[in-house]
Amino acid sequence: NYWDDQAHQLHVRWDKSGIWEGFIPKVGKGSLYKYKIHSHHDG
């Protein structure tokens, strides 16, 4: 997704576990990725 943090936003679970998750189609073996995290703490 060209390292675009607006393209694939994960969903937060409702149970206050702090887990973010989701299924992204067409992403497969060998794909490079990271998690872009915007924090509640001081932006």
PDB file of all heavy atoms in Angstrom:
ATOM      1  N   ASN A   1       0.826  -1.218   0.000  1.00  0.00           N
ATOM      2  CA  ASN A   1       0.000   0.000   0.000  1.00  0.00           C
ATOM      3  C   ASN A   1       0.858   1.264   0.000  1.00  0.00           C
ATOM      4  O   ASN A   1       0.402   2.325   0.437  1.00  0.00           O
ATOM      5  CB  ASN A   1      -0.987   0.003   1.181  1.00  0.00           C
ATOM      6  CG  ASN A   1      -0.289  -0.012   2.544  1.00  0.00           C
ATOM      7  OD1 ASN A   1       0.906   0.238   2.639  1.00  0.00           O
ATOM      8  ND2 ASN A   1      -1.042  -0.291   3.594  1.00  0.00           N
ATOM      9  N   TYR A   2       2.101   1.128  -0.484  1.00  0.00           N
ATOM     10  CA  TYR A   2       3.010   2.267  -0.593  1.00  0.00           C
ATOM     11  C   TYR A   2       3.270   2.918   0.767  1.00  0.00           C
ATOM     12  O   TYR A   2       3.530   4.105   0.854  1.00  0.00           O
ATOM     13  CB  TYR A   2       2.483   3.304  -1.600  1.00  0.00           C
ATOM     14  CG  TYR A   2       2.206   2.726  -2.961  1.00  0.00           C
ATOM     15  CD1 TYR A   2       0.899   2.399  -3.335  1.00  0.00           C
ATOM     16  CD2 TYR A   2       3.241   2.475  -3.862  1.00  0.00           C
ATOM     17  CE1 TYR A   2       0.640   1.849  -4.584  1.00  0.00           C
ATOM     18  CE2 TYR A   2       2.981   1.917  -5.099  1.00  0.00           C
ATOM     19  CZ  TYR A   2       1.690   1.600  -5.464  1.00  0.00           C
ATOM     20  OH  TYR A   2       1.435   1.045  -6.698  1.00  0.00           O
ATOM     21  N   TRP A   3       3.194   2.093   1.834  1.00  0.00           N
ATOM     22  CA  TRP A   3       3.473   2.554   3.203  1.00  0.00           C
ATOM     23  C   TRP A   3       2.556   3.699   3.623  1.00  0.00           C
ATOM     24  O   TRP A   3       2.943   4.596   4.372  1.00  0.00           O
ATOM     25  CB  TRP A   3       4.954   2.934   3.355  1.00  0.00           C
ATOM     26  CG  TRP A   3       5.868   1.815   2.938  1.00  0.00           C
ATOM     27  CD1 TRP A   3       6.417   1.603   1.725  1.00  0.00           C
ATOM     28  CD2 TRP A   3       6.284   0.719   3.761  1.00  0.00           C
ATOM     29  NE1 TRP A   3       7.161   0.443   1.715  1.00  0.00           N
ATOM     30  CE2 TRP A   3       7.104  -0.118   2.966  1.00  0.00           C
ATOM     31  CE3 TRP A   3       6.068   0.354   5.099  1.00  0.00           C
ATOM     32  CZ2 TRP A   3       7.685  -1.281   3.438  1.00  0.00           C
ATOM     33  CZ3 TRP A   3       6.667  -0.804   5.576  1.00  0.00           C
ATOM     34  CH2 TRP A   3       7.467  -1.617   4.749  1.00  0.00           C
ATOM     35  N   ASP A   4       1.327   3.633   3.151  1.00  0.00           N
ATOM     36  CA  ASP A   4       0.314   4.663   3.426  1.00  0.00           C
ATOM     37  C   ASP A   4      -0.480   4.266   4.670  1.00  0.00           C
ATOM     38  O   ASP A   4      -1.179   3.255   4.680  1.00  0.00           O
ATOM     39  CB  ASP A   4      -0.609   4.797   2.218  1.00  0.00           C
ATOM     40  CG  ASP A   4      -1.713   5.828   2.441  1.00  0.00           C
ATOM     41  OD1 ASP A   4      -1.688   6.530   3.477  1.00  0.00           O
ATOM     42  OD2 ASP A   4      -2.607   5.908   1.572  1.00  0.00           O
ATOM     43  N   ASP A   5      -0.404   5.056   5.722  1.00  0.00           N
ATOM     44  CA  ASP A   5      -1.081   4.698   6.963  1.00  0.00           C
ATOM     45  C   ASP A   5      -2.582   4.986   6.937  1.00  0.00           C
ATOM     46  O   ASP A   5      -3.285   4.754   7.926  1.00  0.00           O
ATOM     47  CB  ASP A   5      -0.434   5.388   8.162  1.00  0.00           C
ATOM     48  CG  ASP A   5      -0.537   6.895   8.124  1.00  0.00           C
ATOM     49  OD1 ASP A   5      -0.930   7.435   7.070  1.00  0.00           O
ATOM     50  OD2 ASP A   5      -0.233   7.524   9.154  1.00  0.00           O
ATOM     51  N   GLN A   6      -3.091   5.488   5.823  1.00  0.00           N
ATOM     52  CA  GLN A   6      -4.533   5.676   5.689  1.00  0.00           C
ATOM     53  C   GLN A   6      -5.190   4.532   4.931  1.00  0.00           C
ATOM     54  O   GLN A   6      -6.415   4.441   4.866  1.00  0.00           O
ATOM     55  CB  GLN A   6      -4.825   6.994   4.964  1.00  0.00           C
ATOM     56  CG  GLN A   6      -4.308   8.231   5.684  1.00  0.00           C
ATOM     57  CD  GLN A   6      -4.904   8.383   7.081  1.00  0.00           C
ATOM     58  OE1 GLN A   6      -6.119   8.293   7.273  1.00  0.00           O
ATOM     59  NE2 GLN A   6      -4.035   8.584   8.066  1.00  0.00           N
ATOM     60  N   ALA A   7      -4.380   3.631   4.396  1.00  0.00           N
ATOM     61  CA  ALA A   7      -4.918   2.615   3.497  1.00  0.00           C
ATOM     62  C   ALA A   7      -5.555   1.437   4.233  1.00  0.00           C
ATOM     63  O   ALA A   7      -6.647   0.986   3.874  1.00  0.00           O
ATOM     64  CB  ALA A   7      -3.814   2.109   2.563  1.00  0.00           C
ATOM     65  N   HIS A   8      -4.893   0.930   5.248  1.00  0.00           N
ATOM     66  CA  HIS A   8      -5.382  -0.279   5.920  1.00  0.00           C
ATOM     67  C   HIS A   8      -5.380  -0.073   7.436  1.00  0.00           C
ATOM     68  O   HIS A   8      -4.417  -0.418   8.132  1.00  0.00           O
ATOM     69  CB  HIS A   8      -4.509  -1.487   5.556  1.00  0.00           C
ATOM     70  CG  HIS A   8      -4.617  -1.900   4.117  1.00  0.00           C
ATOM     71  ND1 HIS A   8      -3.649  -1.606   3.187  1.00  0.00           N
ATOM     72  CD2 HIS A   8      -5.605  -2.569   3.453  1.00  0.00           C
ATOM     73  CE1 HIS A   8      -4.003  -2.087   2.000  1.00  0.00           C
ATOM     74  NE2 HIS A   8      -5.190  -2.674   2.139  1.00  0.00           N
ATOM     75  N   GLN A   9      -6.460   0.505   7.932  1.00  0.00           N
ATOM     76  CA  GLN A   9      -6.618   0.751   9.367  1.00  0.00           C
ATOM     77  C   GLN A   9      -7.231  -0.484  10.035  1.00  0.00           C
ATOM     78  O   GLN A   9      -8.276  -0.977   9.600  1.00  0.00           O
ATOM     79  CB  GLN A   9      -7.534   1.959   9.583  1.00  0.00           C
ATOM     80  CG  GLN A   9      -7.014   3.249   8.999  1.00  0.00           C
ATOM     81  CD  GLN A   9      -6.146   4.030   9.973  1.00  0.00           C
ATOM     82  OE1 GLN A   9      -6.151   3.761  11.165  1.00  0.00           O
ATOM     83  NE2 GLN A   9      -5.408   4.984   9.454  1.00  0.00           N
ATOM     84  N   LEU A  10      -6.559  -0.960  11.078  1.00  0.00           N
ATOM     85  CA  LEU A  10      -7.084  -2.120  11.809  1.00  0.00           C
ATOM     86  C   LEU A  10      -8.226  -1.701  12.725  1.00  0.00           C
ATOM     87  O   LEU A  10      -8.396  -0.519  13.060  1.00  0.00           O
ATOM     88  CB  LEU A  10      -5.964  -2.776  12.623  1.00  0.00           C
ATOM     89  CG  LEU A  10      -4.822  -3.410  11.811  1.00  0.00           C
ATOM     90  CD1 LEU A  10      -3.790  -4.023  12.748  1.00  0.00           C
ATOM     91  CD2 LEU A  10      -5.343  -4.460  10.840  1.00  0.00           C
ATOM     92  N   HIS A  11      -9.009  -2.706  13.159  1.00  0.00           N
ATOM     93  CA  HIS A  11     -10.150  -2.466  14.037  1.00  0.00           C
ATOM     94  C   HIS A  11      -9.770  -2.827  15.476  1.00  0.00           C
ATOM     95  O   HIS A  11      -9.165  -3.878  15.722  1.00  0.00           O
ATOM     96  CB  HIS A  11     -11.342  -3.321  13.599  1.00  0.00           C
ATOM     97  CG  HIS A  11     -11.704  -3.146  12.154  1.00  0.00           C
ATOM     98  ND1 HIS A  11     -12.384  -2.040  11.680  1.00  0.00           N
ATOM     99  CD2 HIS A  11     -11.462  -3.932  11.063  1.00  0.00           C
ATOM    100  CE1 HIS A  11     -12.560  -2.153  10.380  1.00  0.00           C
ATOM    101  NE2 HIS A  11     -12.016  -3.286   9.976  1.00  0.00           N
ATOM    102  N   VAL A  12     -10.173  -1.977  16.406  1.00  0.00           N
ATOM    103  CA  VAL A  12      -9.895  -2.264  17.806  1.00  0.00           C
ATOM    104  C   VAL A  12     -11.008  -3.139  18.372  1.00  0.00           C
ATOM    105  O   VAL A  12     -12.187  -2.981  18.041  1.00  0.00           O
ATOM    106  CB  VAL A  12      -9.757  -0.957  18.630  1.00  0.00           C
ATOM    107  CG1 VAL A  12     -11.071  -0.195  18.681  1.00  0.00           C
ATOM    108  CG2 VAL A  12      -9.218  -1.253  20.033  1.00  0.00           C
ATOM    109  N   ARG A  13     -10.621  -4.084  19.208  1.00  0.00           N
ATOM    110  CA  ARG A  13     -11.629  -4.945  19.833  1.00  0.00           C
ATOM    111  C   ARG A  13     -12.435  -4.166  20.866  1.00  0.00           C
ATOM    112  O   ARG A  13     -11.944  -3.215  21.484  1.00  0.00           O
ATOM    113  CB  ARG A  13     -10.953  -6.153  20.496  1.00  0.00           C
ATOM    114  CG  ARG A  13     -10.412  -7.195  19.500  1.00  0.00           C
ATOM    115  CD  ARG A  13      -9.844  -8.396  20.242  1.00  0.00           C
ATOM    116  NE  ARG A  13     -10.871  -9.052  21.040  1.00  0.00           N
ATOM    117  CZ  ARG A  13     -11.645 -10.047  20.601  1.00  0.00           C
ATOM    118  NH1 ARG A  13     -11.529 -10.482  19.351  1.00  0.00           N
ATOM    119  NH2 ARG A  13     -12.545 -10.600  21.391  1.00  0.00           N
ATOM    120  N   TRP A  14     -13.626  -4.632  21.090  1.00  0.00           N
ATOM    121  CA  TRP A  14     -14.559  -3.947  21.988  1.00  0.00           C
ATOM    122  C   TRP A  14     -14.316  -4.257  23.463  1.00  0.00           C
ATOM    123  O   TRP A  14     -14.872  -3.615  24.353  1.00  0.00           O
ATOM    124  CB  TRP A  14     -15.992  -4.388  21.653  1.00  0.00           C
ATOM    125  CG  TRP A  14     -16.137  -5.900  21.726  1.00  0.00           C
ATOM    126  CD1 TRP A  14     -15.957  -6.778  20.707  1.00  0.00           C
ATOM    127  CD2 TRP A  14     -16.443  -6.674  22.880  1.00  0.00           C
ATOM    128  NE1 TRP A  14     -16.126  -8.064  21.137  1.00  0.00           N
ATOM    129  CE2 TRP A  14     -16.438  -8.035  22.483  1.00  0.00           C
ATOM    130  CE3 TRP A  14     -16.736  -6.380  24.218  1.00  0.00           C
ATOM    131  CZ2 TRP A  14     -16.692  -9.086  23.358  1.00  0.00           C
ATOM    132  CZ3 TRP A  14     -17.004  -7.430  25.088  1.00  0.00           C
ATOM    133  CH2 TRP A  14     -16.977  -8.756  24.658  1.00  0.00           C
ATOM    134  N   ASP A  15     -13.462  -5.259  23.760  1.00  0.00           N
ATOM    135  CA  ASP A  15     -13.372  -5.814  25.116  1.00  0.00           C
ATOM    136  C   ASP A  15     -12.273  -5.192  25.976  1.00  0.00           C
ATOM    137  O   ASP A  15     -11.888  -5.743  27.000  1.00  0.00           O
ATOM    138  CB  ASP A  15     -13.159  -7.327  25.041  1.00  0.00           C
ATOM    139  CG  ASP A  15     -12.013  -7.713  24.111  1.00  0.00           C
ATOM    140  OD1 ASP A  15     -11.175  -6.841  23.807  1.00  0.00           O
ATOM    141  OD2 ASP A  15     -11.955  -8.883  23.687  1.00  0.00           O
ATOM    142  N   LYS A  16     -11.746  -4.060  25.543  1.00  0.00           N
ATOM    143  CA  LYS A  16     -10.708  -3.352  26.294  1.00  0.00           C
ATOM    144  C   LYS A  16      -9.424  -4.163  26.449  1.00  0.00           C
ATOM    145  O   LYS A  16      -8.635  -3.935  27.370  1.00  0.00           O
ATOM    146  CB  LYS A  16     -11.223  -2.919  27.680  1.00  0.00           C
ATOM    147  CG  LYS A  16     -12.394  -1.957  27.626  1.00  0.00           C
ATOM    148  CD  LYS A  16     -12.816  -1.507  29.018  1.00  0.00           C
ATOM    149  CE  LYS A  16     -13.991  -0.530  28.937  1.00  0.00           C
ATOM    150  NZ  LYS A  16     -14.433  -0.098  30.282  1.00  0.00           N
ATOM    151  N   SER A  17      -9.228  -5.101  25.561  1.00  0.00           N
ATOM    152  CA  SER A  17      -7.989  -5.887  25.592  1.00  0.00           C
ATOM    153  C   SER A  17      -6.831  -5.118  24.985  1.00  0.00           C
ATOM    154  O   SER A  17      -5.670  -5.484  25.187  1.00  0.00           O
ATOM    155  CB  SER A  17      -8.184  -7.196  24.822  1.00  0.00           C
ATOM    156  OG  SER A  17      -8.483  -6.942  23.451  1.00  0.00           O
ATOM    157  N   GLY A  18      -7.127  -4.066  24.207  1.00  0.00           N
ATOM    158  CA  GLY A  18      -6.078  -3.303  23.550  1.00  0.00           C
ATOM    159  C   GLY A  18      -5.583  -3.949  22.272  1.00  0.00           C
ATOM    160  O   GLY A  18      -4.531  -3.552  21.735  1.00  0.00           O
ATOM    161  N   ILE A  19      -6.325  -4.914  21.754  1.00  0.00           N
ATOM    162  CA  ILE A  19      -5.923  -5.631  20.547  1.00  0.00           C
ATOM    163  C   ILE A  19      -6.573  -4.991  19.319  1.00  0.00           C
ATOM    164  O   ILE A  19      -7.773  -4.749  19.293  1.00  0.00           O
ATOM    165  CB  ILE A  19      -6.314  -7.124  20.641  1.00  0.00           C
ATOM    166  CG1 ILE A  19      -5.569  -7.791  21.801  1.00  0.00           C
ATOM    167  CG2 ILE A  19      -6.037  -7.847  19.322  1.00  0.00           C
ATOM    168  CD1 ILE A  19      -6.031  -9.195  22.099  1.00  0.00           C
ATOM    169  N   TRP A  20      -5.723  -4.753  18.318  1.00  0.00           N
ATOM    170  CA  TRP A  20      -6.182  -4.244  17.018  1.00  0.00           C
ATOM    171  C   TRP A  20      -5.987  -5.359  16.002  1.00  0.00           C
ATOM    172  O   TRP A  20      -4.934  -6.019  15.972  1.00  0.00           O
ATOM    173  CB  TRP A  20      -5.371  -3.017  16.608  1.00  0.00           C
ATOM    174  CG  TRP A  20      -5.522  -1.853  17.550  1.00  0.00           C
ATOM    175  CD1 TRP A  20      -4.988  -1.726  18.797  1.00  0.00           C
ATOM    176  CD2 TRP A  20      -6.269  -0.660  17.317  1.00  0.00           C
ATOM    177  NE1 TRP A  20      -5.350  -0.528  19.362  1.00  0.00           N
ATOM    178  CE2 TRP A  20      -6.142   0.155  18.471  1.00  0.00           C
ATOM    179  CE3 TRP A  20      -7.040  -0.189  16.258  1.00  0.00           C
ATOM    180  CZ2 TRP A  20      -6.738   1.402  18.589  1.00  0.00           C
ATOM    181  CZ3 TRP A  20      -7.642   1.060  16.369  1.00  0.00           C
ATOM    182  CH2 TRP A  20      -7.485   1.846  17.521  1.00  0.00           C
ATOM    183  N   GLU A  21      -7.004  -5.560  15.128  1.00  0.00           N
ATOM    184  CA  GLU A  21      -6.948  -6.709  14.231  1.00  0.00           C
ATOM    185  C   GLU A  21      -7.749  -6.461  12.967  1.00  0.00           C
ATOM    186  O   GLU A  21      -8.538  -5.511  12.873  1.00  0.00           O
ATOM    187  CB  GLU A  21      -7.470  -7.964  14.945  1.00  0.00           C
ATOM    188  CG  GLU A  21      -8.906  -7.811  15.441  1.00  0.00           C
ATOM    189  CD  GLU A  21      -9.374  -9.003  16.269  1.00  0.00           C
ATOM    190  OE1 GLU A  21      -8.674 -10.025  16.318  1.00  0.00           O
ATOM    191  OE2 GLU A  21     -10.468  -8.899  16.864  1.00  0.00           O
ATOM    192  N   GLY A  22      -7.567  -7.340  11.996  1.00  0.00           N
ATOM    193  CA  GLY A  22      -8.331  -7.262  10.760  1.00  0.00           C
ATOM    194  C   GLY A  22      -7.701  -8.107   9.673  1.00  0.00           C
ATOM    195  O   GLY A  22      -6.517  -8.481   9.747  1.00  0.00           O
ATOM    196  N   PHE A  23      -8.507  -8.422   8.673  1.00  0.00           N
ATOM    197  CA  PHE A  23      -8.072  -9.232   7.526  1.00  0.00           C
ATOM    198  C   PHE A  23      -7.931  -8.338   6.305  1.00  0.00           C
ATOM    199  O   PHE A  23      -8.844  -7.582   5.959  1.00  0.00           O
ATOM    200  CB  PHE A  23      -9.101 -10.337   7.251  1.00  0.00           C
ATOM    201  CG  PHE A  23      -8.824 -11.138   6.018  1.00  0.00           C
ATOM    202  CD1 PHE A  23      -7.901 -12.173   6.031  1.00  0.00           C
ATOM    203  CD2 PHE A  23      -9.490 -10.857   4.824  1.00  0.00           C
ATOM    204  CE1 PHE A  23      -7.639 -12.921   4.888  1.00  0.00           C
ATOM    205  CE2 PHE A  23      -9.240 -11.594   3.663  1.00  0.00           C
ATOM    206  CZ  PHE A  23      -8.309 -12.635   3.707  1.00  0.00           C
ATOM    207  N   ILE A  24      -6.756  -8.407   5.662  1.00  0.00           N
ATOM    208  CA  ILE A  24      -6.492  -7.585   4.484  1.00  0.00           C
ATOM    209  C   ILE A  24      -6.361  -8.503   3.271  1.00  0.00           C
ATOM    210  O   ILE A  24      -5.431  -9.307   3.195  1.00  0.00           O
ATOM    211  CB  ILE A  24      -5.204  -6.753   4.655  1.00  0.00           C
ATOM    212  CG1 ILE A  24      -5.297  -5.891   5.918  1.00  0.00           C
ATOM    213  CG2 ILE A  24      -4.961  -5.877   3.433  1.00  0.00           C
ATOM    214  CD1 ILE A  24      -4.048  -5.082   6.211  1.00  0.00           C
ATOM    215  N   PRO A  25      -7.295  -8.408   2.334  1.00  0.00           N
ATOM    216  CA  PRO A  25      -7.218  -9.247   1.137  1.00  0.00           C
ATOM    217  C   PRO A  25      -6.001  -8.920   0.281  1.00  0.00           C
ATOM    218  O   PRO A  25      -5.467  -7.800   0.304  1.00  0.00           O
ATOM    219  CB  PRO A  25      -8.518  -8.911   0.388  1.00  0.00           C
ATOM    220  CG  PRO A  25      -9.420  -8.301   1.423  1.00  0.00           C
ATOM    221  CD  PRO A  25      -8.507  -7.591   2.369  1.00  0.00           C
ATOM    222  N   LYS A  26      -5.554  -9.939  -0.462  1.00  0.00           N
ATOM    223  CA  LYS A  26      -4.497  -9.813  -1.473  1.00  0.00           C
ATOM    224  C   LYS A  26      -3.118  -9.530  -0.887  1.00  0.00           C
ATOM    225  O   LYS A  26      -2.180  -9.234  -1.639  1.00  0.00           O
ATOM    226  CB  LYS A  26      -4.861  -8.730  -2.503  1.00  0.00           C
ATOM    227  CG  LYS A  26      -6.147  -9.006  -3.264  1.00  0.00           C
ATOM    228  CD  LYS A  26      -6.435  -7.895  -4.265  1.00  0.00           C
ATOM    229  CE  LYS A  26      -7.746  -8.156  -5.005  1.00  0.00           C
ATOM    230  NZ  LYS A  26      -8.063  -7.098  -5.978  1.00  0.00           N
ATOM    231  N   VAL A  27      -2.975  -9.612   0.420  1.00  0.00           N
ATOM    232  CA  VAL A  27      -1.647  -9.508   1.037  1.00  0.00           C
ATOM    233  C   VAL A  27      -1.188 -10.927   1.335  1.00  0.00           C
ATOM    234  O   VAL A  27      -1.904 -11.687   1.989  1.00  0.00           O
ATOM    235  CB  VAL A  27      -1.677  -8.665   2.328  1.00  0.00           C
ATOM    236  CG1 VAL A  27      -0.327  -8.708   3.016  1.00  0.00           C
ATOM    237  CG2 VAL A  27      -2.078  -7.235   2.008  1.00  0.00           C
ATOM    238  N   GLY A  28      -0.016 -11.289   0.838  1.00  0.00           N
ATOM    239  CA  GLY A  28       0.412 -12.676   0.985  1.00  0.00           C
ATOM    240  C   GLY A  28       1.871 -12.820   1.378  1.00  0.00           C
ATOM    241  O   GLY A  28       2.539 -11.852   1.787  1.00  0.00           O
ATOM    242  N   LYS A  29       2.364 -14.038   1.257  1.00  0.00           N
ATOM    243  CA  LYS A  29       3.719 -14.398   1.654  1.00  0.00           C
ATOM    244  C   LYS A  29       4.742 -13.512   0.958  1.00  0.00           C
ATOM    245  O   LYS A  29       4.686 -13.297  -0.256  1.00  0.00           O
ATOM    246  CB  LYS A  29       3.971 -15.865   1.314  1.00  0.00           C
ATOM    247  CG  LYS A  29       5.322 -16.398   1.758  1.00  0.00           C
ATOM    248  CD  LYS A  29       5.426 -17.887   1.482  1.00  0.00           C
ATOM    249  CE  LYS A  29       6.778 -18.431   1.903  1.00  0.00           C
ATOM    250  NZ  LYS A  29       6.886 -19.907   1.694  1.00  0.00           N
ATOM    251  N   GLY A  30       5.675 -12.991   1.763  1.00  0.00           N
ATOM    252  CA  GLY A  30       6.731 -12.140   1.237  1.00  0.00           C
ATOM    253  C   GLY A  30       6.446 -10.664   1.319  1.00  0.00           C
ATOM    254  O   GLY A  30       7.346  -9.840   1.072  1.00  0.00           O
ATOM    255  N   SER A  31       5.214 -10.270   1.649  1.00  0.00           N
ATOM    256  CA  SER A  31       4.887  -8.852   1.761  1.00  0.00           C
ATOM    257  C   SER A  31       5.604  -8.226   2.950  1.00  0.00           C
ATOM    258  O   SER A  31       5.665  -8.812   4.045  1.00  0.00           O
ATOM    259  CB  SER A  31       3.371  -8.657   1.918  1.00  0.00           C
ATOM    260  OG  SER A  31       2.684  -9.097   0.768  1.00  0.00           O
ATOM    261  N   LEU A  32       6.141  -7.034   2.753  1.00  0.00           N
ATOM    262  CA  LEU A  32       6.795  -6.292   3.836  1.00  0.00           C
ATOM    263  C   LEU A  32       5.759  -5.446   4.553  1.00  0.00           C
ATOM    264  O   LEU A  32       4.850  -4.885   3.923  1.00  0.00           O
ATOM    265  CB  LEU A  32       7.884  -5.381   3.268  1.00  0.00           C
ATOM    266  CG  LEU A  32       8.983  -6.036   2.425  1.00  0.00           C
ATOM    267  CD1 LEU A  32       9.964  -4.984   1.924  1.00  0.00           C
ATOM    268  CD2 LEU A  32       9.712  -7.108   3.223  1.00  0.00           C
ATOM    269  N   TYR A  33       5.884  -5.335   5.876  1.00  0.00           N
ATOM    270  CA  TYR A  33       4.904  -4.534   6.614  1.00  0.00           C
ATOM    271  C   TYR A  33       5.450  -4.070   7.951  1.00  0.00           C
ATOM    272  O   TYR A  33       6.412  -4.636   8.491  1.00  0.00           O
ATOM    273  CB  TYR A  33       3.617  -5.322   6.834  1.00  0.00           C
ATOM    274  CG  TYR A  33       3.713  -6.447   7.854  1.00  0.00           C
ATOM    275  CD1 TYR A  33       3.254  -6.277   9.158  1.00  0.00           C
ATOM    276  CD2 TYR A  33       4.259  -7.682   7.507  1.00  0.00           C
ATOM    277  CE1 TYR A  33       3.333  -7.308  10.090  1.00  0.00           C
ATOM    278  CE2 TYR A  33       4.343  -8.710   8.427  1.00  0.00           C
ATOM    279  CZ  TYR A  33       3.886  -8.525   9.719  1.00  0.00           C
ATOM    280  OH  TYR A  33       3.971  -9.541  10.640  1.00  0.00           O
ATOM    281  N   LYS A  34       4.813  -3.049   8.473  1.00  0.00           N
ATOM    282  CA  LYS A  34       4.996  -2.567   9.842  1.00  0.00           C
ATOM    283  C   LYS A  34       3.642  -2.087  10.352  1.00  0.00           C
ATOM    284  O   LYS A  34       2.665  -1.999   9.594  1.00  0.00           O
ATOM    285  CB  LYS A  34       6.000  -1.415   9.902  1.00  0.00           C
ATOM    286  CG  LYS A  34       7.454  -1.815   9.745  1.00  0.00           C
ATOM    287  CD  LYS A  34       8.361  -0.601   9.951  1.00  0.00           C
ATOM    288  CE  LYS A  34       9.817  -0.985   9.883  1.00  0.00           C
ATOM    289  NZ  LYS A  34      10.711   0.189  10.096  1.00  0.00           N
ATOM    290  N   TYR A  35       3.603  -1.759  11.634  1.00  0.00           N
ATOM    291  CA  TYR A  35       2.411  -1.149  12.224  1.00  0.00           C
ATOM    292  C   TYR A  35       2.676   0.323  12.464  1.00  0.00           C
ATOM    293  O   TYR A  35       3.639   0.686  13.153  1.00  0.00           O
ATOM    294  CB  TYR A  35       2.042  -1.839  13.544  1.00  0.00           C
ATOM    295  CG  TYR A  35       1.648  -3.287  13.394  1.00  0.00           C
ATOM    296  CD1 TYR A  35       2.429  -4.303  13.958  1.00  0.00           C
ATOM    297  CD2 TYR A  35       0.496  -3.652  12.706  1.00  0.00           C
ATOM    298  CE1 TYR A  35       2.072  -5.627  13.829  1.00  0.00           C
ATOM    299  CE2 TYR A  35       0.138  -4.978  12.564  1.00  0.00           C
ATOM    300  CZ  TYR A  35       0.933  -5.962  13.126  1.00  0.00           C
ATOM    301  OH  TYR A  35       0.584  -7.282  12.989  1.00  0.00           O
ATOM    302  N   LYS A  36       1.820   1.174  11.888  1.00  0.00           N
ATOM    303  CA  LYS A  36       1.902   2.622  12.127  1.00  0.00           C
ATOM    304  C   LYS A  36       0.895   2.942  13.227  1.00  0.00           C
ATOM    305  O   LYS A  36      -0.319   2.763  13.060  1.00  0.00           O
ATOM    306  CB  LYS A  36       1.559   3.382  10.844  1.00  0.00           C
ATOM    307  CG  LYS A  36       1.847   4.882  10.884  1.00  0.00           C
ATOM    308  CD  LYS A  36       3.345   5.169  10.850  1.00  0.00           C
ATOM    309  CE  LYS A  36       3.637   6.641  10.602  1.00  0.00           C
ATOM    310  NZ  LYS A  36       3.453   7.023   9.190  1.00  0.00           N
ATOM    311  N   ILE A  37       1.401   3.391  14.361  1.00  0.00           N
ATOM    312  CA  ILE A  37       0.571   3.557  15.551  1.00  0.00           C
ATOM    313  C   ILE A  37       0.504   5.029  15.941  1.00  0.00           C
ATOM    314  O   ILE A  37       1.537   5.671  16.166  1.00  0.00           O
ATOM    315  CB  ILE A  37       1.137   2.722  16.726  1.00  0.00           C
ATOM    316  CG1 ILE A  37       1.207   1.237  16.327  1.00  0.00           C
ATOM    317  CG2 ILE A  37       0.297   2.913  17.988  1.00  0.00           C
ATOM    318  CD1 ILE A  37       1.946   0.369  17.332  1.00  0.00           C
ATOM    319  N   HIS A  38      -0.707   5.556  16.015  1.00  0.00           N
ATOM    320  CA  HIS A  38      -0.943   6.904  16.536  1.00  0.00           C
ATOM    321  C   HIS A  38      -1.410   6.753  17.981  1.00  0.00           C
ATOM    322  O   HIS A  38      -2.440   6.139  18.247  1.00  0.00           O
ATOM    323  CB  HIS A  38      -2.004   7.639  15.701  1.00  0.00           C
ATOM    324  CG  HIS A  38      -1.515   7.994  14.331  1.00  0.00           C
ATOM    325  ND1 HIS A  38      -1.108   9.266  13.981  1.00  0.00           N
ATOM    326  CD2 HIS A  38      -1.354   7.233  13.215  1.00  0.00           C
ATOM    327  CE1 HIS A  38      -0.728   9.283  12.726  1.00  0.00           C
ATOM    328  NE2 HIS A  38      -0.871   8.059  12.230  1.00  0.00           N
ATOM    329  N   SER A  39      -0.649   7.315  18.889  1.00  0.00           N
ATOM    330  CA  SER A  39      -0.891   7.104  20.310  1.00  0.00           C
ATOM    331  C   SER A  39      -1.786   8.184  20.910  1.00  0.00           C
ATOM    332  O   SER A  39      -1.858   9.316  20.421  1.00  0.00           O
ATOM    333  CB  SER A  39       0.437   7.089  21.062  1.00  0.00           C
ATOM    334  OG  SER A  39       0.240   6.964  22.451  1.00  0.00           O
ATOM    335  N   HIS A  40      -2.459   7.805  21.986  1.00  0.00           N
ATOM    336  CA  HIS A  40      -3.207   8.779  22.775  1.00  0.00           C
ATOM    337  C   HIS A  40      -2.273   9.682  23.572  1.00  0.00           C
ATOM    338  O   HIS A  40      -2.694  10.732  24.079  1.00  0.00           O
ATOM    339  CB  HIS A  40      -4.145   8.052  23.755  1.00  0.00           C
ATOM    340  CG  HIS A  40      -5.420   7.566  23.118  1.00  0.00           C
ATOM    341  ND1 HIS A  40      -6.370   8.416  22.607  1.00  0.00           N
ATOM    342  CD2 HIS A  40      -5.893   6.306  22.925  1.00  0.00           C
ATOM    343  CE1 HIS A  40      -7.382   7.716  22.126  1.00  0.00           C
ATOM    344  NE2 HIS A  40      -7.122   6.431  22.296  1.00  0.00           N
ATOM    345  N   HIS A  41      -1.018   9.272  23.721  1.00  0.00           N
ATOM    346  CA  HIS A  41      -0.078  10.010  24.557  1.00  0.00           C
ATOM    347  C   HIS A  41       0.672  11.058  23.754  1.00  0.00           C
ATOM    348  O   HIS A  41       1.534  10.730  22.923  1.00  0.00           O
ATOM    349  CB  HIS A  41       0.936   9.046  25.206  1.00  0.00           C
ATOM    350  CG  HIS A  41       0.314   8.081  26.171  1.00  0.00           C
ATOM    351  ND1 HIS A  41      -0.215   8.472  27.372  1.00  0.00           N
ATOM    352  CD2 HIS A  41       0.116   6.737  26.089  1.00  0.00           C
ATOM    353  CE1 HIS A  41      -0.704   7.408  28.011  1.00  0.00           C
ATOM    354  NE2 HIS A  41      -0.511   6.342  27.243  1.00  0.00           N
ATOM    355  N   ASP A  42       0.339  12.301  23.956  1.00  0.00           N
ATOM    356  CA  ASP A  42       1.088  13.436  23.408  1.00  0.00           C
ATOM    357  C   ASP A  42       1.220  13.382  21.892  1.00  0.00           C
ATOM    358  O   ASP A  42       2.190  13.916  21.326  1.00  0.00           O
ATOM    359  CB  ASP A  42       2.491  13.494  24.040  1.00  0.00           C
ATOM    360  CG  ASP A  42       2.434  13.642  25.551  1.00  0.00           C
ATOM    361  OD1 ASP A  42       1.550  14.372  26.038  1.00  0.00           O
ATOM    362  OD2 ASP A  42       3.265  13.012  26.241  1.00  0.00           O
ATOM    363  N   GLY A  43       0.289  12.745  21.243  1.00  0.00           N
ATOM    364  CA  GLY A  43       0.323  12.699  19.782  1.00  0.00           C
ATOM    365  C   GLY A  43       1.489  11.912  19.212  1.00  0.00           C
ATOM    366  O   GLY A  43       1.867  12.105  18.042  1.00  0.00           O
TER     367      GLY A  43
END
